[in-house]
Amino acid sequence: DMHIEVSRPPATADLQSGMTSAQMKEIVLQADRYRS
């Protein structure tokens, strides 16, 4: 279904970790309840 380009970020980029697995899972569970 999905073809995802994973590029190498430039060395000057301000790299942030972003969301944790716990935060992402909470979003997934909310969407899953909506789908159910």
All heavy atoms as atom14 arrays in JSON, in Angstrom:
{
  "sequence": "DMHIEVSRPPATADLQSGMTSAQMKEIVLQADRYRS",
  "atom14_mask": [
    [1, 1, 1, 1, 1, 1, 1, 1, 0, 0, 0, 0, 0, 0],
    [1, 1, 1, 1, 1, 1, 1, 1, 0, 0, 0, 0, 0, 0],
    [1, 1, 1, 1, 1, 1, 1, 1, 1, 1, 0, 0, 0, 0],
    [1, 1, 1, 1, 1, 1, 1, 1, 0, 0, 0, 0, 0, 0],
    [1, 1, 1, 1, 1, 1, 1, 1, 1, 0, 0, 0, 0, 0],
    [1, 1, 1, 1, 1, 1, 1, 0, 0, 0, 0, 0, 0, 0],
    [1, 1, 1, 1, 1, 1, 0, 0, 0, 0, 0, 0, 0, 0],
    [1, 1, 1, 1, 1, 1, 1, 1, 1, 1, 1, 0, 0, 0],
    [1, 1, 1, 1, 1, 1, 1, 0, 0, 0, 0, 0, 0, 0],
    [1, 1, 1, 1, 1, 1, 1, 0, 0, 0, 0, 0, 0, 0],
    [1, 1, 1, 1, 1, 0, 0, 0, 0, 0, 0, 0, 0, 0],
    [1, 1, 1, 1, 1, 1, 1, 0, 0, 0, 0, 0, 0, 0],
    [1, 1, 1, 1, 1, 0, 0, 0, 0, 0, 0, 0, 0, 0],
    [1, 1, 1, 1, 1, 1, 1, 1, 0, 0, 0, 0, 0, 0],
    [1, 1, 1, 1, 1, 1, 1, 1, 0, 0, 0, 0, 0, 0],
    [1, 1, 1, 1, 1, 1, 1, 1, 1, 0, 0, 0, 0, 0],
    [1, 1, 1, 1, 1, 1, 0, 0, 0, 0, 0, 0, 0, 0],
    [1, 1, 1, 1, 0, 0, 0, 0, 0, 0, 0, 0, 0, 0],
    [1, 1, 1, 1, 1, 1, 1, 1, 0, 0, 0, 0, 0, 0],
    [1, 1, 1, 1, 1, 1, 1, 0, 0, 0, 0, 0, 0, 0],
    [1, 1, 1, 1, 1, 1, 0, 0, 0, 0, 0, 0, 0, 0],
    [1, 1, 1, 1, 1, 0, 0, 0, 0, 0, 0, 0, 0, 0],
    [1, 1, 1, 1, 1, 1, 1, 1, 1, 0, 0, 0, 0, 0],
    [1, 1, 1, 1, 1, 1, 1, 1, 0, 0, 0, 0, 0, 0],
    [1, 1, 1, 1, 1, 1, 1, 1, 1, 0, 0, 0, 0, 0],
    [1, 1, 1, 1, 1, 1, 1, 1, 1, 0, 0, 0, 0, 0],
    [1, 1, 1, 1, 1, 1, 1, 1, 0, 0, 0, 0, 0, 0],
    [1, 1, 1, 1, 1, 1, 1, 0, 0, 0, 0, 0, 0, 0],
    [1, 1, 1, 1, 1, 1, 1, 1, 0, 0, 0, 0, 0, 0],
    [1, 1, 1, 1, 1, 1, 1, 1, 1, 0, 0, 0, 0, 0],
    [1, 1, 1, 1, 1, 0, 0, 0, 0, 0, 0, 0, 0, 0],
    [1, 1, 1, 1, 1, 1, 1, 1, 0, 0, 0, 0, 0, 0],
    [1, 1, 1, 1, 1, 1, 1, 1, 1, 1, 1, 0, 0, 0],
    [1, 1, 1, 1, 1, 1, 1, 1, 1, 1, 1, 1, 0, 0],
    [1, 1, 1, 1, 1, 1, 1, 1, 1, 1, 1, 0, 0, 0],
    [1, 1, 1, 1, 1, 1, 0, 0, 0, 0, 0, 0, 0, 0]
  ],
  "atom14_positions": [
    [[0.8, -1.22, 0.0], [0.0, 0.0, 0.0], [0.83, 1.27, 0.0], [0.47, 2.26, -0.64], [-0.93, 0.03, 1.23], [-1.82, -1.19, 1.33], [-1.8, -2.0, 0.4], [-2.54, -1.32, 2.33], [0.0, 0.0, 0.0], [0.0, 0.0, 0.0], [0.0, 0.0, 0.0], [0.0, 0.0, 0.0], [0.0, 0.0, 0.0], [0.0, 0.0, 0.0]],
    [[1.95, 1.26, 0.75], [2.69, 2.49, 0.99], [4.15, 2.32, 0.62], [4.81, 1.36, 1.05], [2.58, 2.88, 2.48], [1.15, 2.92, 3.0], [1.07, 3.22, 4.78], [1.54, 4.94, 4.83], [0.0, 0.0, 0.0], [0.0, 0.0, 0.0], [0.0, 0.0, 0.0], [0.0, 0.0, 0.0], [0.0, 0.0, 0.0], [0.0, 0.0, 0.0]],
    [[4.67, 3.24, -0.19], [6.07, 3.25, -0.59], [6.69, 4.51, 0.03], [6.38, 5.62, -0.39], [6.21, 3.27, -2.11], [5.36, 2.25, -2.8], [4.82, 2.46, -4.05], [4.96, 1.02, -2.41], [4.13, 1.39, -4.4], [4.19, 0.52, -3.42], [0.0, 0.0, 0.0], [0.0, 0.0, 0.0], [0.0, 0.0, 0.0], [0.0, 0.0, 0.0]],
    [[7.55, 4.32, 1.0], [8.01, 5.44, 1.82], [9.49, 5.7, 1.55], [10.33, 4.8, 1.71], [7.8, 5.14, 3.32], [6.33, 4.79, 3.57], [8.23, 6.32, 4.18], [6.11, 4.1, 4.89], [0.0, 0.0, 0.0], [0.0, 0.0, 0.0], [0.0, 0.0, 0.0], [0.0, 0.0, 0.0], [0.0, 0.0, 0.0], [0.0, 0.0, 0.0]],
    [[9.81, 6.91, 1.14], [11.2, 7.32, 0.95], [11.78, 7.74, 2.3], [11.25, 8.63, 2.96], [11.26, 8.49, -0.02], [10.87, 8.14, -1.44], [12.02, 7.53, -2.23], [13.14, 7.46, -1.68], [11.8, 7.14, -3.39], [0.0, 0.0, 0.0], [0.0, 0.0, 0.0], [0.0, 0.0, 0.0], [0.0, 0.0, 0.0], [0.0, 0.0, 0.0]],
    [[12.84, 7.07, 2.7], [13.53, 7.41, 3.95], [14.88, 8.02, 3.57], [15.84, 7.31, 3.27], [13.72, 6.16, 4.85], [14.34, 6.56, 6.19], [12.38, 5.47, 5.07], [0.0, 0.0, 0.0], [0.0, 0.0, 0.0], [0.0, 0.0, 0.0], [0.0, 0.0, 0.0], [0.0, 0.0, 0.0], [0.0, 0.0, 0.0], [0.0, 0.0, 0.0]],
    [[14.92, 9.33, 3.55], [16.12, 10.03, 3.1], [17.07, 10.29, 4.26], [16.66, 10.32, 5.43], [15.75, 11.36, 2.43], [14.87, 11.15, 1.35], [0.0, 0.0, 0.0], [0.0, 0.0, 0.0], [0.0, 0.0, 0.0], [0.0, 0.0, 0.0], [0.0, 0.0, 0.0], [0.0, 0.0, 0.0], [0.0, 0.0, 0.0], [0.0, 0.0, 0.0]],
    [[18.33, 10.51, 3.91], [19.31, 10.87, 4.93], [19.18, 12.37, 5.21], [19.3, 13.2, 4.31], [20.72, 10.54, 4.43], [21.82, 10.86, 5.43], [23.14, 10.37, 4.91], [23.41, 10.91, 3.58], [24.39, 10.48, 2.8], [25.14, 9.49, 3.19], [24.58, 11.02, 1.61], [0.0, 0.0, 0.0], [0.0, 0.0, 0.0], [0.0, 0.0, 0.0]],
    [[18.93, 12.76, 6.48], [18.79, 14.2, 6.78], [20.12, 14.91, 6.66], [21.18, 14.31, 6.89], [18.28, 14.19, 8.23], [18.76, 12.91, 8.8], [18.76, 11.93, 7.67], [0.0, 0.0, 0.0], [0.0, 0.0, 0.0], [0.0, 0.0, 0.0], [0.0, 0.0, 0.0], [0.0, 0.0, 0.0], [0.0, 0.0, 0.0], [0.0, 0.0, 0.0]],
    [[20.11, 16.17, 6.27], [21.37, 16.91, 6.17], [22.03, 17.09, 7.53], [21.35, 17.11, 8.56], [20.94, 18.26, 5.58], [19.49, 18.38, 5.9], [18.95, 16.98, 5.87], [0.0, 0.0, 0.0], [0.0, 0.0, 0.0], [0.0, 0.0, 0.0], [0.0, 0.0, 0.0], [0.0, 0.0, 0.0], [0.0, 0.0, 0.0], [0.0, 0.0, 0.0]],
    [[23.34, 17.22, 7.52], [24.08, 17.32, 8.78], [23.71, 18.58, 9.55], [23.84, 18.63, 10.77], [25.58, 17.3, 8.5], [0.0, 0.0, 0.0], [0.0, 0.0, 0.0], [0.0, 0.0, 0.0], [0.0, 0.0, 0.0], [0.0, 0.0, 0.0], [0.0, 0.0, 0.0], [0.0, 0.0, 0.0], [0.0, 0.0, 0.0], [0.0, 0.0, 0.0]],
    [[23.21, 19.61, 8.86], [22.88, 20.87, 9.52], [21.47, 20.88, 10.1], [21.07, 21.85, 10.74], [23.0, 22.02, 8.51], [22.14, 21.76, 7.39], [24.43, 22.17, 8.03], [0.0, 0.0, 0.0], [0.0, 0.0, 0.0], [0.0, 0.0, 0.0], [0.0, 0.0, 0.0], [0.0, 0.0, 0.0], [0.0, 0.0, 0.0], [0.0, 0.0, 0.0]],
    [[20.72, 19.8, 9.88], [19.33, 19.77, 10.33], [19.27, 19.69, 11.85], [20.11, 19.07, 12.5], [18.61, 18.57, 9.72], [0.0, 0.0, 0.0], [0.0, 0.0, 0.0], [0.0, 0.0, 0.0], [0.0, 0.0, 0.0], [0.0, 0.0, 0.0], [0.0, 0.0, 0.0], [0.0, 0.0, 0.0], [0.0, 0.0, 0.0], [0.0, 0.0, 0.0]],
    [[18.26, 20.31, 12.42], [18.02, 20.24, 13.85], [17.16, 18.99, 14.1], [15.94, 19.01, 13.93], [17.3, 21.5, 14.33], [17.09, 21.5, 15.84], [17.75, 20.69, 16.51], [16.26, 22.28, 16.32], [0.0, 0.0, 0.0], [0.0, 0.0, 0.0], [0.0, 0.0, 0.0], [0.0, 0.0, 0.0], [0.0, 0.0, 0.0], [0.0, 0.0, 0.0]],
    [[17.82, 17.91, 14.48], [17.14, 16.64, 14.61], [16.4, 16.56, 15.95], [17.0, 16.72, 17.01], [18.13, 15.48, 14.5], [18.86, 15.36, 13.16], [19.83, 14.2, 13.19], [17.87, 15.19, 12.02], [0.0, 0.0, 0.0], [0.0, 0.0, 0.0], [0.0, 0.0, 0.0], [0.0, 0.0, 0.0], [0.0, 0.0, 0.0], [0.0, 0.0, 0.0]],
    [[15.1, 16.32, 15.88], [14.29, 16.13, 17.06], [13.71, 14.72, 17.03], [13.4, 14.17, 15.97], [13.15, 17.16, 17.1], [13.62, 18.61, 17.12], [14.31, 18.96, 18.43], [13.98, 18.4, 19.47], [15.26, 19.88, 18.37], [0.0, 0.0, 0.0], [0.0, 0.0, 0.0], [0.0, 0.0, 0.0], [0.0, 0.0, 0.0], [0.0, 0.0, 0.0]],
    [[13.57, 14.11, 18.19], [13.05, 12.75, 18.25], [11.56, 12.68, 17.93], [11.07, 11.68, 17.43], [13.31, 12.14, 19.63], [12.66, 12.9, 20.64], [0.0, 0.0, 0.0], [0.0, 0.0, 0.0], [0.0, 0.0, 0.0], [0.0, 0.0, 0.0], [0.0, 0.0, 0.0], [0.0, 0.0, 0.0], [0.0, 0.0, 0.0], [0.0, 0.0, 0.0]],
    [[10.82, 13.75, 18.21], [9.39, 13.73, 17.92], [8.63, 12.89, 18.93], [9.02, 12.75, 20.08], [0.0, 0.0, 0.0], [0.0, 0.0, 0.0], [0.0, 0.0, 0.0], [0.0, 0.0, 0.0], [0.0, 0.0, 0.0], [0.0, 0.0, 0.0], [0.0, 0.0, 0.0], [0.0, 0.0, 0.0], [0.0, 0.0, 0.0], [0.0, 0.0, 0.0]],
    [[7.52, 12.29, 18.49], [6.65, 11.54, 19.39], [7.29, 10.23, 19.82], [8.03, 9.59, 19.07], [5.31, 11.25, 18.71], [4.42, 12.46, 18.54], [2.76, 12.01, 17.96], [3.14, 11.37, 16.33], [0.0, 0.0, 0.0], [0.0, 0.0, 0.0], [0.0, 0.0, 0.0], [0.0, 0.0, 0.0], [0.0, 0.0, 0.0], [0.0, 0.0, 0.0]],
    [[6.97, 9.82, 21.03], [7.41, 8.52, 21.55], [6.42, 7.45, 21.11], [5.33, 7.75, 20.61], [7.5, 8.54, 23.07], [6.17, 8.76, 23.61], [8.42, 9.66, 23.56], [0.0, 0.0, 0.0], [0.0, 0.0, 0.0], [0.0, 0.0, 0.0], [0.0, 0.0, 0.0], [0.0, 0.0, 0.0], [0.0, 0.0, 0.0], [0.0, 0.0, 0.0]],
    [[6.78, 6.19, 21.33], [5.89, 5.09, 20.99], [4.59, 5.17, 21.79], [3.5, 4.86, 21.27], [6.57, 3.75, 21.24], [7.59, 3.52, 20.29], [0.0, 0.0, 0.0], [0.0, 0.0, 0.0], [0.0, 0.0, 0.0], [0.0, 0.0, 0.0], [0.0, 0.0, 0.0], [0.0, 0.0, 0.0], [0.0, 0.0, 0.0], [0.0, 0.0, 0.0]],
    [[4.66, 5.57, 23.06], [3.46, 5.67, 23.89], [2.5, 6.72, 23.33], [1.27, 6.49, 23.29], [3.85, 6.02, 25.33], [0.0, 0.0, 0.0], [0.0, 0.0, 0.0], [0.0, 0.0, 0.0], [0.0, 0.0, 0.0], [0.0, 0.0, 0.0], [0.0, 0.0, 0.0], [0.0, 0.0, 0.0], [0.0, 0.0, 0.0], [0.0, 0.0, 0.0]],
    [[3.04, 7.85, 22.88], [2.18, 8.88, 22.31], [1.57, 8.43, 20.98], [0.39, 8.67, 20.71], [3.0, 10.17, 22.1], [3.45, 10.82, 23.4], [4.44, 11.94, 23.16], [5.26, 11.88, 22.24], [4.37, 12.97, 23.99], [0.0, 0.0, 0.0], [0.0, 0.0, 0.0], [0.0, 0.0, 0.0], [0.0, 0.0, 0.0], [0.0, 0.0, 0.0]],
    [[2.37, 7.76, 20.16], [1.86, 7.28, 18.88], [0.81, 6.2, 19.09], [-0.2, 6.15, 18.38], [3.02, 6.76, 18.04], [4.01, 7.84, 17.6], [5.45, 7.18, 16.72], [4.72, 6.68, 15.17], [0.0, 0.0, 0.0], [0.0, 0.0, 0.0], [0.0, 0.0, 0.0], [0.0, 0.0, 0.0], [0.0, 0.0, 0.0], [0.0, 0.0, 0.0]],
    [[1.02, 5.34, 20.09], [0.05, 4.27, 20.33], [-1.28, 4.83, 20.79], [-2.35, 4.31, 20.43], [0.59, 3.28, 21.37], [-0.3, 2.06, 21.56], [0.38, 0.97, 22.32], [-0.48, -0.3, 22.36], [0.21, -1.43, 23.01], [0.0, 0.0, 0.0], [0.0, 0.0, 0.0], [0.0, 0.0, 0.0], [0.0, 0.0, 0.0], [0.0, 0.0, 0.0]],
    [[-1.27, 5.88, 21.58], [-2.52, 6.5, 22.02], [-3.3, 7.04, 20.83], [-4.53, 6.9, 20.76], [-2.22, 7.63, 23.01], [-3.46, 8.3, 23.58], [-4.39, 7.33, 24.27], [-3.91, 6.34, 24.87], [-5.62, 7.55, 24.18], [0.0, 0.0, 0.0], [0.0, 0.0, 0.0], [0.0, 0.0, 0.0], [0.0, 0.0, 0.0], [0.0, 0.0, 0.0]],
    [[-2.6, 7.64, 19.87], [-3.26, 8.13, 18.65], [-3.85, 6.95, 17.86], [-4.98, 7.02, 17.35], [-2.27, 8.92, 17.78], [-1.8, 10.18, 18.52], [-2.89, 9.3, 16.44], [-0.69, 10.94, 17.81], [0.0, 0.0, 0.0], [0.0, 0.0, 0.0], [0.0, 0.0, 0.0], [0.0, 0.0, 0.0], [0.0, 0.0, 0.0], [0.0, 0.0, 0.0]],
    [[-3.08, 5.86, 17.77], [-3.55, 4.67, 17.05], [-4.8, 4.1, 17.71], [-5.76, 3.72, 17.03], [-2.43, 3.62, 16.98], [-2.97, 2.29, 16.46], [-1.29, 4.09, 16.09], [0.0, 0.0, 0.0], [0.0, 0.0, 0.0], [0.0, 0.0, 0.0], [0.0, 0.0, 0.0], [0.0, 0.0, 0.0], [0.0, 0.0, 0.0], [0.0, 0.0, 0.0]],
    [[-4.8, 4.03, 19.04], [-5.95, 3.46, 19.75], [-7.2, 4.32, 19.56], [-8.31, 3.78, 19.42], [-5.63, 3.32, 21.24], [-4.56, 2.28, 21.61], [-4.28, 2.29, 23.1], [-5.0, 0.89, 21.16], [0.0, 0.0, 0.0], [0.0, 0.0, 0.0], [0.0, 0.0, 0.0], [0.0, 0.0, 0.0], [0.0, 0.0, 0.0], [0.0, 0.0, 0.0]],
    [[-7.05, 5.64, 19.56], [-8.2, 6.51, 19.32], [-8.77, 6.29, 17.92], [-9.99, 6.18, 17.74], [-7.78, 7.98, 19.49], [-7.47, 8.38, 20.92], [-7.0, 9.81, 21.03], [-6.98, 10.56, 20.04], [-6.6, 10.22, 22.23], [0.0, 0.0, 0.0], [0.0, 0.0, 0.0], [0.0, 0.0, 0.0], [0.0, 0.0, 0.0], [0.0, 0.0, 0.0]],
    [[-7.88, 6.2, 16.92], [-8.33, 5.95, 15.55], [-8.95, 4.57, 15.43], [-9.93, 4.38, 14.69], [-7.17, 6.11, 14.58], [0.0, 0.0, 0.0], [0.0, 0.0, 0.0], [0.0, 0.0, 0.0], [0.0, 0.0, 0.0], [0.0, 0.0, 0.0], [0.0, 0.0, 0.0], [0.0, 0.0, 0.0], [0.0, 0.0, 0.0], [0.0, 0.0, 0.0]],
    [[-8.4, 3.59, 16.15], [-8.92, 2.23, 16.09], [-10.33, 2.16, 16.67], [-11.19, 1.44, 16.16], [-7.98, 1.28, 16.85], [-8.36, -0.18, 16.68], [-8.32, -0.66, 15.53], [-8.72, -0.83, 17.68], [0.0, 0.0, 0.0], [0.0, 0.0, 0.0], [0.0, 0.0, 0.0], [0.0, 0.0, 0.0], [0.0, 0.0, 0.0], [0.0, 0.0, 0.0]],
    [[-10.56, 2.89, 17.75], [-11.91, 2.93, 18.33], [-12.9, 3.57, 17.36], [-14.05, 3.13, 17.24], [-11.89, 3.68, 19.67], [-11.24, 2.92, 20.8], [-11.49, 3.59, 22.14], [-10.74, 4.83, 22.27], [-9.52, 4.91, 22.81], [-8.92, 3.82, 23.27], [-8.92, 6.07, 22.91], [0.0, 0.0, 0.0], [0.0, 0.0, 0.0], [0.0, 0.0, 0.0]],
    [[-12.44, 4.59, 16.65], [-13.29, 5.26, 15.66], [-13.62, 4.29, 14.52], [-14.76, 4.23, 14.05], [-12.58, 6.51, 15.14], [-13.4, 7.36, 14.2], [-14.34, 8.24, 14.7], [-13.23, 7.28, 12.82], [-15.1, 9.03, 13.84], [-13.98, 8.06, 11.96], [-14.92, 8.94, 12.48], [-15.67, 9.7, 11.64], [0.0, 0.0, 0.0], [0.0, 0.0, 0.0]],
    [[-12.62, 3.53, 14.06], [-12.83, 2.54, 12.99], [-13.77, 1.44, 13.46], [-14.61, 0.94, 12.7], [-11.5, 1.94, 12.56], [-10.63, 2.86, 11.76], [-9.25, 2.23, 11.53], [-9.32, 1.08, 10.66], [-9.22, 1.11, 9.34], [-9.09, 2.27, 8.72], [-9.26, 0.01, 8.63], [0.0, 0.0, 0.0], [0.0, 0.0, 0.0], [0.0, 0.0, 0.0]],
    [[-13.61, 1.0, 14.71], [-14.45, -0.09, 15.23], [-15.91, 0.32, 15.24], [-16.8, -0.5, 14.93], [-13.99, -0.46, 16.64], [-12.66, -0.96, 16.63], [0.0, 0.0, 0.0], [0.0, 0.0, 0.0], [0.0, 0.0, 0.0], [0.0, 0.0, 0.0], [0.0, 0.0, 0.0], [0.0, 0.0, 0.0], [0.0, 0.0, 0.0], [0.0, 0.0, 0.0]]
  ]
}
